[in-house]
Amino acid sequence: MYGTKFLTPEEFNQDFFDGYLTGNQHPGGYWRYDEAYNDLVWSSIANIILRECPEVQSILEIGCASGKLIKQFTNRDIFALGIEISPYIVGKAEEEIKPHLIMGDIRKDLAQFSDKRFDVVVSHMTLTYLSETDIEKLIPELNRISKKQVHLIQEAPDTRFNISHPIEWWGKLPFENTVLIGEENNSNVAKT
């Protein structure tokens, strides 16, 4: 991990998600989140996940932002919850999605879920915002609460805010029943 500055929970704010909308120079993270990730993008991401897990009935998304991926699953009659640390982005969620969102920190708030509670735990570019130490502590909890995991990993060119490792690095971590997908090339899949 080179030159990485890990964000505090307070830094997952309007500047992080919406960048220039506040008039400030964008400090990292997303740039105009809602414009970059529209319904077509979320539908495509949902399709990738369901291709890997076709029989899924329950999903937890960690780092779910405003729940747009959750909406894709609930629209397909799949029970879905999301956990998110940012009050700002949860506040932007559509009203029908808010009941599916939990405010929390995935590094400490997964204990509320029973063993194998979810058919699938999903993350989309979330793990790359955690330190390697946090990831090592989180993996046993993810293994505990999920029957299977799908992680879309951001191979970030900007290492100020992200871990930037090749998909093979992620594949060496002690995940169980996991599909890791490098986001820039979703045929770049490592299964553990």
N, C-alpha and C. Protein backbone atom coordinates (compact mmCIF):
# COMPACT_ATOMS: atom_id res chain seq x y z
N MET A 1 0.86 -1.16 0.00
CA MET A 1 0.00 0.00 0.00
C MET A 1 0.90 1.22 0.00
N TYR A 2 0.73 2.08 -0.98
CA TYR A 2 1.64 3.19 -1.19
C TYR A 2 0.93 4.52 -0.97
N GLY A 3 1.42 5.31 -0.05
CA GLY A 3 0.95 6.67 0.13
C GLY A 3 -0.52 6.79 0.50
N THR A 4 -1.09 5.79 1.13
CA THR A 4 -2.53 5.80 1.38
C THR A 4 -2.86 6.60 2.63
N LYS A 5 -3.88 7.44 2.52
CA LYS A 5 -4.44 8.17 3.66
C LYS A 5 -5.85 7.62 3.86
N PHE A 6 -6.08 6.94 4.95
CA PHE A 6 -7.41 6.39 5.19
C PHE A 6 -8.33 7.45 5.74
N LEU A 7 -9.53 7.49 5.21
CA LEU A 7 -10.49 8.49 5.61
C LEU A 7 -11.13 8.14 6.95
N THR A 8 -11.44 9.16 7.71
CA THR A 8 -12.21 8.97 8.93
C THR A 8 -13.69 8.91 8.55
N PRO A 9 -14.54 8.38 9.43
CA PRO A 9 -15.98 8.35 9.09
C PRO A 9 -16.53 9.72 8.72
N GLU A 10 -16.07 10.78 9.37
CA GLU A 10 -16.56 12.12 9.10
C GLU A 10 -16.20 12.60 7.69
N GLU A 11 -15.17 12.02 7.11
CA GLU A 11 -14.74 12.44 5.78
C GLU A 11 -15.55 11.81 4.64
N PHE A 12 -16.42 10.87 4.96
CA PHE A 12 -17.34 10.33 3.95
C PHE A 12 -18.56 11.25 3.91
N ASN A 13 -18.32 12.48 3.45
CA ASN A 13 -19.29 13.55 3.52
C ASN A 13 -19.68 14.03 2.12
N GLN A 14 -20.28 15.22 2.04
CA GLN A 14 -20.72 15.75 0.75
C GLN A 14 -19.55 15.92 -0.20
N ASP A 15 -18.41 16.42 0.28
CA ASP A 15 -17.26 16.58 -0.60
C ASP A 15 -16.80 15.23 -1.14
N PHE A 16 -16.83 14.20 -0.32
CA PHE A 16 -16.40 12.88 -0.77
C PHE A 16 -17.30 12.36 -1.88
N PHE A 17 -18.60 12.46 -1.69
CA PHE A 17 -19.54 11.88 -2.65
C PHE A 17 -19.86 12.80 -3.83
N ASP A 18 -19.91 14.11 -3.58
CA ASP A 18 -20.38 15.01 -4.63
C ASP A 18 -19.33 16.00 -5.12
N GLY A 19 -18.17 16.00 -4.52
CA GLY A 19 -17.06 16.77 -5.04
C GLY A 19 -17.33 18.23 -5.24
N TYR A 20 -17.23 18.67 -6.49
CA TYR A 20 -17.28 20.08 -6.81
C TYR A 20 -18.62 20.74 -6.52
N LEU A 21 -19.64 19.97 -6.17
CA LEU A 21 -20.95 20.56 -5.95
C LEU A 21 -20.94 21.58 -4.82
N THR A 22 -19.99 21.49 -3.89
CA THR A 22 -19.90 22.45 -2.79
C THR A 22 -18.97 23.60 -3.11
N GLY A 23 -18.35 23.58 -4.29
CA GLY A 23 -17.42 24.63 -4.67
C GLY A 23 -16.00 24.35 -4.23
N ASN A 24 -15.78 23.27 -3.52
CA ASN A 24 -14.43 22.92 -3.08
C ASN A 24 -13.77 22.02 -4.10
N GLN A 25 -12.46 22.06 -4.12
CA GLN A 25 -11.77 21.11 -4.99
C GLN A 25 -12.01 19.71 -4.44
N HIS A 26 -12.29 18.79 -5.32
CA HIS A 26 -12.63 17.43 -4.90
C HIS A 26 -11.45 16.77 -4.19
N PRO A 27 -11.64 16.30 -2.95
CA PRO A 27 -10.52 15.75 -2.18
C PRO A 27 -10.25 14.28 -2.41
N GLY A 28 -10.99 13.62 -3.24
CA GLY A 28 -10.82 12.18 -3.43
C GLY A 28 -12.17 11.50 -3.34
N GLY A 29 -12.19 10.20 -3.48
CA GLY A 29 -13.46 9.50 -3.44
C GLY A 29 -14.19 9.64 -4.76
N TYR A 30 -15.49 9.88 -4.70
CA TYR A 30 -16.30 9.98 -5.91
C TYR A 30 -16.32 11.43 -6.39
N TRP A 31 -16.74 11.59 -7.62
CA TRP A 31 -16.99 12.92 -8.15
C TRP A 31 -18.39 12.90 -8.73
N ARG A 32 -19.31 13.57 -8.07
CA ARG A 32 -20.71 13.60 -8.48
C ARG A 32 -21.27 12.18 -8.56
N TYR A 33 -21.35 11.57 -7.40
CA TYR A 33 -21.73 10.17 -7.23
C TYR A 33 -22.98 9.79 -8.02
N ASP A 34 -24.04 10.59 -7.89
CA ASP A 34 -25.31 10.26 -8.56
C ASP A 34 -25.20 10.31 -10.08
N GLU A 35 -24.32 11.14 -10.60
CA GLU A 35 -24.13 11.21 -12.05
C GLU A 35 -23.27 10.05 -12.54
N ALA A 36 -22.26 9.70 -11.77
CA ALA A 36 -21.34 8.63 -12.17
C ALA A 36 -22.00 7.26 -12.09
N TYR A 37 -22.89 7.09 -11.13
CA TYR A 37 -23.53 5.79 -10.91
C TYR A 37 -25.04 5.93 -11.09
N ASN A 38 -25.50 5.71 -12.31
CA ASN A 38 -26.93 5.80 -12.60
C ASN A 38 -27.56 4.41 -12.55
N ASP A 39 -28.86 4.33 -12.81
CA ASP A 39 -29.58 3.05 -12.71
C ASP A 39 -29.02 1.99 -13.65
N LEU A 40 -28.57 2.39 -14.82
CA LEU A 40 -27.99 1.43 -15.77
C LEU A 40 -26.72 0.80 -15.22
N VAL A 41 -25.88 1.62 -14.59
CA VAL A 41 -24.66 1.10 -13.97
C VAL A 41 -25.00 0.14 -12.85
N TRP A 42 -25.95 0.53 -11.98
CA TRP A 42 -26.31 -0.33 -10.86
C TRP A 42 -26.95 -1.63 -11.33
N SER A 43 -27.75 -1.57 -12.38
CA SER A 43 -28.34 -2.79 -12.93
C SER A 43 -27.26 -3.73 -13.44
N SER A 44 -26.27 -3.18 -14.10
CA SER A 44 -25.15 -3.98 -14.61
C SER A 44 -24.39 -4.64 -13.47
N ILE A 45 -24.14 -3.88 -12.40
CA ILE A 45 -23.42 -4.43 -11.24
C ILE A 45 -24.25 -5.54 -10.59
N ALA A 46 -25.55 -5.32 -10.45
CA ALA A 46 -26.43 -6.35 -9.89
C ALA A 46 -26.39 -7.61 -10.74
N ASN A 47 -26.39 -7.44 -12.05
CA ASN A 47 -26.33 -8.59 -12.95
C ASN A 47 -25.03 -9.39 -12.78
N ILE A 48 -23.93 -8.69 -12.59
CA ILE A 48 -22.65 -9.38 -12.36
C ILE A 48 -22.73 -10.21 -11.08
N ILE A 49 -23.28 -9.64 -10.03
CA ILE A 49 -23.38 -10.34 -8.74
C ILE A 49 -24.32 -11.54 -8.87
N LEU A 50 -25.45 -11.35 -9.52
CA LEU A 50 -26.42 -12.45 -9.66
C LEU A 50 -25.91 -13.52 -10.62
N ARG A 51 -25.04 -13.18 -11.52
CA ARG A 51 -24.41 -14.18 -12.38
C ARG A 51 -23.56 -15.13 -11.52
N GLU A 52 -22.89 -14.57 -10.51
CA GLU A 52 -22.06 -15.36 -9.62
C GLU A 52 -22.88 -16.08 -8.55
N CYS A 53 -24.05 -15.55 -8.23
CA CYS A 53 -24.89 -16.10 -7.15
C CYS A 53 -26.34 -16.16 -7.62
N PRO A 54 -26.67 -17.06 -8.53
CA PRO A 54 -28.01 -17.05 -9.14
C PRO A 54 -29.15 -17.44 -8.21
N GLU A 55 -28.91 -18.15 -7.13
CA GLU A 55 -29.99 -18.62 -6.26
C GLU A 55 -30.16 -17.76 -5.01
N VAL A 56 -29.63 -16.56 -5.00
CA VAL A 56 -29.62 -15.72 -3.80
C VAL A 56 -31.03 -15.29 -3.40
N GLN A 57 -31.27 -15.31 -2.09
CA GLN A 57 -32.54 -14.85 -1.54
C GLN A 57 -32.35 -13.72 -0.54
N SER A 58 -31.13 -13.59 0.01
CA SER A 58 -30.87 -12.51 0.97
C SER A 58 -29.46 -11.97 0.75
N ILE A 59 -29.36 -10.63 0.79
CA ILE A 59 -28.09 -9.95 0.51
C ILE A 59 -27.88 -8.86 1.54
N LEU A 60 -26.64 -8.74 2.00
CA LEU A 60 -26.20 -7.58 2.77
C LEU A 60 -25.13 -6.89 1.94
N GLU A 61 -25.31 -5.60 1.70
CA GLU A 61 -24.26 -4.81 1.05
C GLU A 61 -23.55 -3.99 2.10
N ILE A 62 -22.25 -4.14 2.20
CA ILE A 62 -21.46 -3.33 3.13
C ILE A 62 -20.96 -2.10 2.37
N GLY A 63 -21.06 -0.95 3.01
CA GLY A 63 -20.70 0.29 2.34
C GLY A 63 -21.65 0.59 1.21
N CYS A 64 -22.95 0.64 1.52
CA CYS A 64 -24.00 0.68 0.47
C CYS A 64 -24.31 2.08 -0.03
N ALA A 65 -23.69 3.11 0.52
CA ALA A 65 -23.97 4.50 0.13
C ALA A 65 -25.47 4.77 0.24
N SER A 66 -26.10 5.27 -0.82
CA SER A 66 -27.53 5.61 -0.76
C SER A 66 -28.44 4.45 -1.15
N GLY A 67 -27.88 3.26 -1.24
CA GLY A 67 -28.70 2.07 -1.43
C GLY A 67 -29.16 1.81 -2.85
N LYS A 68 -28.48 2.36 -3.83
CA LYS A 68 -28.93 2.16 -5.22
C LYS A 68 -28.78 0.71 -5.68
N LEU A 69 -27.74 0.02 -5.18
CA LEU A 69 -27.61 -1.39 -5.51
C LEU A 69 -28.66 -2.21 -4.74
N ILE A 70 -28.92 -1.82 -3.51
CA ILE A 70 -29.98 -2.46 -2.72
C ILE A 70 -31.31 -2.39 -3.49
N LYS A 71 -31.59 -1.24 -4.07
CA LYS A 71 -32.83 -1.07 -4.84
C LYS A 71 -32.90 -2.06 -6.00
N GLN A 72 -31.77 -2.30 -6.66
CA GLN A 72 -31.76 -3.27 -7.76
C GLN A 72 -32.18 -4.65 -7.29
N PHE A 73 -31.74 -5.03 -6.09
CA PHE A 73 -32.10 -6.35 -5.57
C PHE A 73 -33.54 -6.40 -5.07
N THR A 74 -33.99 -5.37 -4.35
CA THR A 74 -35.37 -5.39 -3.87
C THR A 74 -36.35 -5.35 -5.03
N ASN A 75 -36.00 -4.67 -6.11
CA ASN A 75 -36.86 -4.67 -7.30
C ASN A 75 -36.96 -6.06 -7.94
N ARG A 76 -36.03 -6.94 -7.61
CA ARG A 76 -36.05 -8.32 -8.12
C ARG A 76 -36.54 -9.29 -7.05
N ASP A 77 -37.22 -8.75 -6.04
CA ASP A 77 -37.81 -9.53 -4.94
C ASP A 77 -36.77 -10.32 -4.15
N ILE A 78 -35.60 -9.74 -3.97
CA ILE A 78 -34.55 -10.32 -3.12
C ILE A 78 -34.50 -9.49 -1.84
N PHE A 79 -34.50 -10.14 -0.68
CA PHE A 79 -34.37 -9.42 0.58
C PHE A 79 -32.97 -8.83 0.64
N ALA A 80 -32.89 -7.51 0.81
CA ALA A 80 -31.59 -6.85 0.81
C ALA A 80 -31.53 -5.77 1.88
N LEU A 81 -30.41 -5.74 2.58
CA LEU A 81 -30.09 -4.69 3.54
C LEU A 81 -28.74 -4.10 3.16
N GLY A 82 -28.53 -2.87 3.60
CA GLY A 82 -27.23 -2.24 3.41
C GLY A 82 -26.78 -1.58 4.68
N ILE A 83 -25.48 -1.56 4.91
CA ILE A 83 -24.91 -0.87 6.05
C ILE A 83 -23.95 0.19 5.53
N GLU A 84 -24.07 1.41 6.07
CA GLU A 84 -23.31 2.55 5.57
C GLU A 84 -22.90 3.46 6.73
N ILE A 85 -21.71 4.02 6.64
CA ILE A 85 -21.17 4.85 7.70
C ILE A 85 -21.50 6.34 7.53
N SER A 86 -21.88 6.76 6.32
CA SER A 86 -22.04 8.18 6.02
C SER A 86 -23.48 8.65 6.17
N PRO A 87 -23.76 9.49 7.19
CA PRO A 87 -25.12 10.04 7.30
C PRO A 87 -25.49 10.89 6.09
N TYR A 88 -24.52 11.55 5.49
CA TYR A 88 -24.80 12.40 4.33
C TYR A 88 -25.40 11.58 3.20
N ILE A 89 -24.76 10.49 2.80
CA ILE A 89 -25.22 9.75 1.63
C ILE A 89 -26.48 8.93 1.94
N VAL A 90 -26.62 8.44 3.17
CA VAL A 90 -27.86 7.75 3.55
C VAL A 90 -29.03 8.73 3.48
N GLY A 91 -28.77 9.99 3.86
CA GLY A 91 -29.81 11.01 3.78
C GLY A 91 -30.30 11.27 2.37
N LYS A 92 -29.50 10.92 1.38
CA LYS A 92 -29.89 11.11 -0.02
C LYS A 92 -30.64 9.90 -0.59
N ALA A 93 -30.81 8.86 0.21
CA ALA A 93 -31.49 7.65 -0.27
C ALA A 93 -32.95 7.93 -0.57
N GLU A 94 -33.49 7.22 -1.57
CA GLU A 94 -34.90 7.31 -1.87
C GLU A 94 -35.70 6.77 -0.69
N GLU A 95 -36.87 7.33 -0.45
CA GLU A 95 -37.67 6.97 0.73
C GLU A 95 -37.96 5.48 0.82
N GLU A 96 -38.26 4.83 -0.32
CA GLU A 96 -38.59 3.40 -0.25
C GLU A 96 -37.37 2.53 0.06
N ILE A 97 -36.17 3.08 -0.07
CA ILE A 97 -34.95 2.32 0.22
C ILE A 97 -34.49 2.52 1.67
N LYS A 98 -34.83 3.65 2.28
CA LYS A 98 -34.35 3.95 3.64
C LYS A 98 -34.62 2.84 4.65
N PRO A 99 -35.77 2.14 4.61
CA PRO A 99 -35.98 1.05 5.57
C PRO A 99 -35.00 -0.12 5.39
N HIS A 100 -34.31 -0.16 4.27
CA HIS A 100 -33.36 -1.23 3.99
C HIS A 100 -31.92 -0.84 4.35
N LEU A 101 -31.75 0.36 4.92
CA LEU A 101 -30.41 0.87 5.22
C LEU A 101 -30.20 0.95 6.73
N ILE A 102 -28.99 0.58 7.14
CA ILE A 102 -28.59 0.63 8.54
C ILE A 102 -27.38 1.54 8.63
N MET A 103 -27.45 2.53 9.52
CA MET A 103 -26.26 3.36 9.78
C MET A 103 -25.31 2.54 10.65
N GLY A 104 -24.07 2.42 10.21
CA GLY A 104 -23.12 1.67 11.01
C GLY A 104 -21.75 1.63 10.37
N ASP A 105 -20.81 1.15 11.15
CA ASP A 105 -19.42 1.02 10.75
C ASP A 105 -19.13 -0.48 10.59
N ILE A 106 -18.83 -0.92 9.38
CA ILE A 106 -18.65 -2.35 9.14
C ILE A 106 -17.50 -2.93 9.94
N ARG A 107 -16.61 -2.09 10.42
CA ARG A 107 -15.47 -2.59 11.20
C ARG A 107 -15.89 -3.06 12.59
N LYS A 108 -17.10 -2.65 13.03
CA LYS A 108 -17.52 -3.05 14.38
C LYS A 108 -18.99 -3.40 14.52
N ASP A 109 -19.80 -3.16 13.51
CA ASP A 109 -21.25 -3.31 13.66
C ASP A 109 -21.86 -4.52 12.96
N LEU A 110 -21.06 -5.50 12.60
CA LEU A 110 -21.61 -6.70 11.98
C LEU A 110 -22.01 -7.76 13.00
N ALA A 111 -21.66 -7.54 14.27
CA ALA A 111 -22.00 -8.50 15.32
C ALA A 111 -23.50 -8.67 15.49
N GLN A 112 -24.28 -7.70 15.03
CA GLN A 112 -25.75 -7.79 15.16
C GLN A 112 -26.36 -8.88 14.28
N PHE A 113 -25.58 -9.41 13.35
CA PHE A 113 -26.10 -10.42 12.43
C PHE A 113 -25.66 -11.82 12.86
N SER A 114 -26.59 -12.76 12.77
CA SER A 114 -26.30 -14.14 13.16
C SER A 114 -25.41 -14.82 12.13
N ASP A 115 -24.85 -15.95 12.52
CA ASP A 115 -24.00 -16.73 11.62
C ASP A 115 -24.78 -17.12 10.36
N LYS A 116 -24.13 -16.96 9.22
CA LYS A 116 -24.70 -17.32 7.91
C LYS A 116 -26.06 -16.67 7.67
N ARG A 117 -26.25 -15.48 8.22
CA ARG A 117 -27.53 -14.76 8.09
C ARG A 117 -27.88 -14.45 6.64
N PHE A 118 -26.85 -14.16 5.82
CA PHE A 118 -27.09 -13.72 4.44
C PHE A 118 -26.55 -14.75 3.46
N ASP A 119 -27.33 -14.99 2.41
CA ASP A 119 -26.83 -15.84 1.34
C ASP A 119 -25.55 -15.23 0.75
N VAL A 120 -25.57 -13.91 0.60
CA VAL A 120 -24.44 -13.21 -0.01
C VAL A 120 -24.19 -11.90 0.72
N VAL A 121 -22.92 -11.62 0.97
CA VAL A 121 -22.49 -10.29 1.39
C VAL A 121 -21.75 -9.70 0.20
N VAL A 122 -22.12 -8.46 -0.14
CA VAL A 122 -21.58 -7.78 -1.31
C VAL A 122 -20.86 -6.52 -0.87
N SER A 123 -19.75 -6.24 -1.53
CA SER A 123 -19.17 -4.90 -1.41
C SER A 123 -18.76 -4.42 -2.78
N HIS A 124 -19.02 -3.15 -3.00
CA HIS A 124 -18.64 -2.51 -4.26
C HIS A 124 -17.69 -1.37 -3.91
N MET A 125 -16.41 -1.58 -4.14
CA MET A 125 -15.38 -0.57 -3.89
C MET A 125 -15.40 -0.09 -2.44
N THR A 126 -15.64 -0.97 -1.50
CA THR A 126 -15.67 -0.59 -0.08
C THR A 126 -14.39 -1.00 0.63
N LEU A 127 -13.96 -2.22 0.43
CA LEU A 127 -12.79 -2.72 1.16
C LEU A 127 -11.54 -1.90 0.89
N THR A 128 -11.46 -1.30 -0.28
CA THR A 128 -10.26 -0.53 -0.62
C THR A 128 -10.13 0.75 0.20
N TYR A 129 -11.19 1.15 0.92
CA TYR A 129 -11.12 2.33 1.78
C TYR A 129 -10.73 1.99 3.21
N LEU A 130 -10.44 0.72 3.48
CA LEU A 130 -10.04 0.30 4.81
C LEU A 130 -8.54 0.02 4.84
N SER A 131 -7.98 0.12 6.02
CA SER A 131 -6.56 -0.23 6.16
C SER A 131 -6.41 -1.75 6.06
N GLU A 132 -5.22 -2.18 5.78
CA GLU A 132 -4.97 -3.63 5.73
C GLU A 132 -5.29 -4.28 7.07
N THR A 133 -4.99 -3.60 8.16
CA THR A 133 -5.31 -4.13 9.49
C THR A 133 -6.82 -4.27 9.67
N ASP A 134 -7.58 -3.25 9.26
CA ASP A 134 -9.04 -3.32 9.36
C ASP A 134 -9.59 -4.46 8.51
N ILE A 135 -9.04 -4.64 7.32
CA ILE A 135 -9.50 -5.71 6.43
C ILE A 135 -9.25 -7.07 7.09
N GLU A 136 -8.08 -7.25 7.66
CA GLU A 136 -7.76 -8.52 8.32
C GLU A 136 -8.72 -8.81 9.47
N LYS A 137 -9.13 -7.78 10.21
CA LYS A 137 -10.08 -7.95 11.32
C LYS A 137 -11.50 -8.19 10.81
N LEU A 138 -11.83 -7.60 9.65
CA LEU A 138 -13.18 -7.69 9.10
C LEU A 138 -13.47 -9.04 8.45
N ILE A 139 -12.49 -9.64 7.82
CA ILE A 139 -12.71 -10.88 7.07
C ILE A 139 -13.37 -11.98 7.90
N PRO A 140 -12.94 -12.25 9.13
CA PRO A 140 -13.63 -13.30 9.90
C PRO A 140 -15.12 -13.01 10.11
N GLU A 141 -15.48 -11.75 10.29
CA GLU A 141 -16.89 -11.40 10.46
C GLU A 141 -17.66 -11.59 9.15
N LEU A 142 -17.06 -11.22 8.04
CA LEU A 142 -17.71 -11.43 6.75
C LEU A 142 -17.90 -12.92 6.48
N ASN A 143 -16.88 -13.71 6.80
CA ASN A 143 -16.98 -15.16 6.65
C ASN A 143 -18.08 -15.73 7.53
N ARG A 144 -18.23 -15.17 8.73
CA ARG A 144 -19.21 -15.68 9.70
C ARG A 144 -20.64 -15.42 9.25
N ILE A 145 -20.93 -14.21 8.77
CA ILE A 145 -22.32 -13.83 8.50
C ILE A 145 -22.80 -14.22 7.11
N SER A 146 -21.90 -14.66 6.23
CA SER A 146 -22.30 -14.92 4.85
C SER A 146 -22.12 -16.38 4.46
N LYS A 147 -22.97 -16.82 3.56
CA LYS A 147 -22.78 -18.13 2.93
C LYS A 147 -21.82 -17.99 1.75
N LYS A 148 -21.84 -16.80 1.12
CA LYS A 148 -20.94 -16.50 0.01
C LYS A 148 -20.71 -15.00 -0.02
N GLN A 149 -19.60 -14.58 -0.62
CA GLN A 149 -19.30 -13.16 -0.73
C GLN A 149 -18.93 -12.82 -2.17
N VAL A 150 -19.30 -11.60 -2.57
CA VAL A 150 -18.86 -11.06 -3.86
C VAL A 150 -18.33 -9.66 -3.58
N HIS A 151 -17.07 -9.45 -3.90
CA HIS A 151 -16.45 -8.14 -3.70
C HIS A 151 -15.96 -7.60 -5.03
N LEU A 152 -16.50 -6.44 -5.41
CA LEU A 152 -15.97 -5.73 -6.58
C LEU A 152 -14.89 -4.81 -6.06
N ILE A 153 -13.68 -5.04 -6.50
CA ILE A 153 -12.50 -4.36 -5.97
C ILE A 153 -12.10 -3.25 -6.93
N GLN A 154 -11.96 -2.06 -6.38
CA GLN A 154 -11.49 -0.93 -7.18
C GLN A 154 -9.98 -0.98 -7.28
N GLU A 155 -9.49 -1.10 -8.49
CA GLU A 155 -8.05 -1.05 -8.70
C GLU A 155 -7.70 0.40 -8.93
N ALA A 156 -7.58 1.13 -7.83
CA ALA A 156 -7.58 2.59 -7.87
C ALA A 156 -6.24 3.17 -8.31
N PRO A 157 -6.27 4.07 -9.29
CA PRO A 157 -5.05 4.75 -9.66
C PRO A 157 -4.65 5.79 -8.62
N ASP A 158 -5.60 6.30 -7.83
CA ASP A 158 -5.33 7.32 -6.83
C ASP A 158 -5.15 6.64 -5.48
N THR A 159 -3.92 6.40 -5.09
CA THR A 159 -3.66 5.68 -3.84
C THR A 159 -3.63 6.61 -2.63
N ARG A 160 -4.05 7.86 -2.79
CA ARG A 160 -4.15 8.72 -1.60
C ARG A 160 -5.23 8.22 -0.66
N PHE A 161 -6.26 7.57 -1.21
CA PHE A 161 -7.42 7.19 -0.41
C PHE A 161 -7.77 5.72 -0.49
N ASN A 162 -7.07 4.97 -1.29
CA ASN A 162 -7.43 3.57 -1.51
C ASN A 162 -6.22 2.67 -1.40
N ILE A 163 -6.49 1.42 -1.00
CA ILE A 163 -5.49 0.38 -1.17
C ILE A 163 -5.49 0.04 -2.65
N SER A 164 -4.33 0.00 -3.24
CA SER A 164 -4.26 -0.37 -4.65
C SER A 164 -3.37 -1.59 -4.77
N HIS A 165 -4.02 -2.74 -4.86
CA HIS A 165 -3.32 -4.01 -5.02
C HIS A 165 -3.96 -4.76 -6.17
N PRO A 166 -3.21 -5.60 -6.85
CA PRO A 166 -3.83 -6.41 -7.90
C PRO A 166 -4.80 -7.42 -7.27
N ILE A 167 -5.71 -7.90 -8.08
CA ILE A 167 -6.74 -8.84 -7.61
C ILE A 167 -6.11 -10.07 -6.97
N GLU A 168 -4.94 -10.46 -7.41
CA GLU A 168 -4.26 -11.63 -6.83
C GLU A 168 -3.93 -11.40 -5.36
N TRP A 169 -3.59 -10.16 -4.99
CA TRP A 169 -3.30 -9.84 -3.58
C TRP A 169 -4.53 -10.10 -2.74
N TRP A 170 -5.67 -9.62 -3.21
CA TRP A 170 -6.92 -9.81 -2.49
C TRP A 170 -7.25 -11.29 -2.38
N GLY A 171 -6.96 -12.04 -3.42
CA GLY A 171 -7.26 -13.47 -3.45
C GLY A 171 -6.47 -14.28 -2.45
N LYS A 172 -5.37 -13.74 -1.93
CA LYS A 172 -4.56 -14.44 -0.93
C LYS A 172 -5.05 -14.21 0.50
N LEU A 173 -6.02 -13.33 0.68
CA LEU A 173 -6.57 -13.09 2.01
C LEU A 173 -7.50 -14.25 2.40
N PRO A 174 -7.74 -14.45 3.69
CA PRO A 174 -8.49 -15.64 4.13
C PRO A 174 -10.01 -15.54 4.00
N PHE A 175 -10.49 -15.02 2.87
CA PHE A 175 -11.93 -15.05 2.60
C PHE A 175 -12.36 -16.50 2.40
N GLU A 176 -13.63 -16.79 2.73
CA GLU A 176 -14.21 -18.10 2.46
C GLU A 176 -15.35 -17.92 1.46
N ASN A 177 -15.47 -18.86 0.50
CA ASN A 177 -16.58 -18.84 -0.47
C ASN A 177 -16.77 -17.45 -1.08
N THR A 178 -15.72 -16.94 -1.69
CA THR A 178 -15.71 -15.55 -2.13
C THR A 178 -15.32 -15.43 -3.59
N VAL A 179 -16.00 -14.50 -4.27
CA VAL A 179 -15.64 -14.11 -5.63
C VAL A 179 -15.12 -12.68 -5.55
N LEU A 180 -13.92 -12.46 -6.03
CA LEU A 180 -13.34 -11.12 -6.09
C LEU A 180 -13.31 -10.70 -7.56
N ILE A 181 -13.84 -9.53 -7.83
CA ILE A 181 -13.92 -9.06 -9.21
C ILE A 181 -13.23 -7.71 -9.30
N GLY A 182 -12.19 -7.63 -10.14
CA GLY A 182 -11.53 -6.35 -10.38
C GLY A 182 -12.45 -5.48 -11.20
N GLU A 183 -12.81 -4.31 -10.66
CA GLU A 183 -13.87 -3.52 -11.27
C GLU A 183 -13.56 -3.07 -12.69
N GLU A 184 -12.32 -2.72 -12.97
CA GLU A 184 -12.03 -2.22 -14.30
C GLU A 184 -12.09 -3.30 -15.37
N ASN A 185 -12.12 -4.55 -14.95
CA ASN A 185 -12.22 -5.64 -15.92
C ASN A 185 -12.95 -6.77 -15.24
N ASN A 186 -14.28 -6.80 -15.34
CA ASN A 186 -15.02 -7.74 -14.52
C ASN A 186 -14.91 -9.18 -15.00
N SER A 187 -14.04 -9.43 -15.99
CA SER A 187 -13.69 -10.82 -16.28
C SER A 187 -12.48 -11.23 -15.44
N ASN A 188 -11.90 -10.26 -14.73
CA ASN A 188 -10.73 -10.48 -13.88
C ASN A 188 -11.23 -10.99 -12.52
N VAL A 189 -11.50 -12.27 -12.45
CA VAL A 189 -12.16 -12.85 -11.28
C VAL A 189 -11.22 -13.82 -10.57
N ALA A 190 -11.17 -13.70 -9.25
CA ALA A 190 -10.45 -14.67 -8.43
C ALA A 190 -11.44 -15.28 -7.46
N LYS A 191 -11.51 -16.60 -7.40
CA LYS A 191 -12.42 -17.27 -6.46
C LYS A 191 -11.58 -17.92 -5.37
N THR A 192 -12.07 -17.80 -4.13
CA THR A 192 -11.39 -18.41 -2.98
C THR A 192 -12.28 -19.49 -2.39
